[in-house]
Amino acid sequence: MRKQYSKFSVIAVTILNTAIILGVVLWSGTLRERNVYDEHRIKLDSIVLLVNDLSKSEVFYANVLNFSQVKLETSEKIAAFQLPDGQRIFLLELGVGTNEAALHKQSTVVLNLRNRFAKFHKDILSRNGSQAIPLGNTQSILQSSISQSVTEIKSYNWGEEFAVTDPDDNVFVFYTGSNKKSRWALE
């Protein structure tokens, strides 16, 4: 004997199934606009920063930022450092007395630190041999670029950040946050 279902039950099950299918399609991102990166896996491999004095910068990156230096087989004025996740930072020395030096502008590298943020800040300060540069309530962390300096930790509703400025005024911003509202977090 066949069980009879009410018209209401059939409609309810149909709506529920449609909602589940629609939810899966939306969640999977298939309805968003596609771009070239949907077909190709792209990962940041390295960053190239311009420096005026390669020797001075090498000491700063090795001793203050504690990045691991990578030996390169090249005759160019270039140095490489590796971050813990395998990405590399290349330092390229500008030609002294050329127009290259006039083209150099400050670069900013943003790094997310996921644990022991305050201790890391303290370690960087110790390695730099300086006190933290205080920031006013309205001053941006990027406006505090004093060569070879470390700012104090600045707190926001999304987390905290501090900046380290290298000898050529390139800025490394280290941030941490418990959610994805950081101005740096794009995930």
Foldseek 3Di string as FASTA:
>chain_A
DDDDDDPVVVVVVVVVVVVVVVVVCVVVPVPPDDDPCVVPPDDQAEAEAEDADLVQQVCCCCQQVVFAWDDDDDPASKTWTADPVGHIYMYHHDDPPDCRVVVHDAAEAEAEDEDPVVVSLVSNCVSLVHDAAEDDPPDDLLVPQDEQHKHDWDADPFWIWIWGAHNRRHIYIYIYGPDQPDPPRDD
